[in-house]
Amino acid sequence: MKKLILGMAIVASSFAFGQKEDVNAKLQAANKTAMDAYNSKNYTVAAPKFMEVYELLKSNGQDDKT
């Protein structure tokens, strides 16, 4: 649960640093899909989407391995 909350905080902080609009849209969509799947206990869908969020953040210089 701590990792999930930290992940959400990272995503939220990424918006504060003014990323490109298209990356923000992709990030928001991937995070929403991941969170919806996670909350529905559909972990097979949530896991790849959380990885997508991580890769999007990493490509923008926010490489947090937590």
Protein backbone atom coordinates (compact mmCIF):
# COMPACT_ATOMS: atom_id res chain seq x y z
CA MET A 1 0.00 0.00 0.00
CA LYS A 2 2.88 2.37 0.76
CA LYS A 3 4.31 1.78 -2.72
CA LEU A 4 0.94 2.51 -4.28
CA ILE A 5 0.61 5.79 -2.39
CA LEU A 6 4.19 6.72 -3.23
CA GLY A 7 3.55 5.92 -6.88
CA MET A 8 0.51 8.16 -6.91
CA ALA A 9 2.52 10.94 -5.29
CA ILE A 10 5.20 10.60 -7.96
CA VAL A 11 2.61 10.83 -10.71
CA ALA A 12 1.04 13.87 -9.09
CA SER A 13 4.40 15.57 -8.67
CA SER A 14 5.24 15.00 -12.31
CA PHE A 15 2.41 17.31 -13.28
CA ALA A 16 3.87 20.07 -11.15
CA PHE A 17 7.11 20.04 -13.12
CA GLY A 18 5.43 20.99 -16.41
CA GLN A 19 5.97 18.03 -18.66
CA LYS A 20 4.91 18.10 -22.29
CA GLU A 21 1.18 17.99 -22.85
CA ASP A 22 1.11 14.68 -24.75
CA VAL A 23 3.23 12.94 -22.09
CA ASN A 24 0.92 14.25 -19.38
CA ALA A 25 -2.09 12.88 -21.24
CA LYS A 26 -0.45 9.46 -21.64
CA LEU A 27 0.63 9.48 -18.01
CA GLN A 28 -2.83 10.40 -16.75
CA ALA A 29 -4.52 7.77 -18.92
CA ALA A 30 -2.10 5.00 -17.91
CA ASN A 31 -2.35 5.91 -14.23
CA LYS A 32 -6.16 6.02 -14.31
CA THR A 33 -6.33 2.63 -16.01
CA ALA A 34 -3.82 1.18 -13.54
CA MET A 35 -5.65 2.55 -10.51
CA ASP A 36 -9.07 1.42 -11.76
CA ALA A 37 -7.74 -2.09 -12.43
CA TYR A 38 -5.95 -2.17 -9.07
CA ASN A 39 -9.06 -1.08 -7.18
CA SER A 40 -11.04 -3.77 -9.02
CA LYS A 41 -8.41 -6.31 -7.97
CA ASN A 42 -7.56 -6.95 -11.62
CA TYR A 43 -3.83 -7.14 -11.04
CA THR A 44 -2.98 -8.65 -14.43
CA VAL A 45 -4.12 -5.40 -16.06
CA ALA A 46 -2.84 -3.09 -13.32
CA ALA A 47 0.76 -4.32 -13.24
CA PRO A 48 1.65 -3.54 -16.88
CA LYS A 49 -0.04 -0.15 -16.60
CA PHE A 50 1.96 0.72 -13.49
CA MET A 51 5.08 -0.28 -15.43
CA GLU A 52 3.97 2.03 -18.24
CA VAL A 53 3.59 4.88 -15.74
CA TYR A 54 7.10 4.12 -14.44
CA GLU A 55 8.55 4.12 -17.97
CA LEU A 56 6.86 7.42 -18.81
CA LEU A 57 8.25 9.00 -15.65
CA LYS A 58 11.67 7.51 -16.33
CA SER A 59 11.72 8.91 -19.87
CA ASN A 60 11.15 12.36 -18.36
CA GLY A 61 14.02 12.08 -15.92
CA GLN A 62 12.06 11.01 -12.84
CA ASP A 63 13.61 7.58 -12.33
CA ASP A 64 12.35 6.51 -8.89
CA LYS A 65 12.93 2.82 -8.30
CA THR A 66 10.71 2.70 -5.20
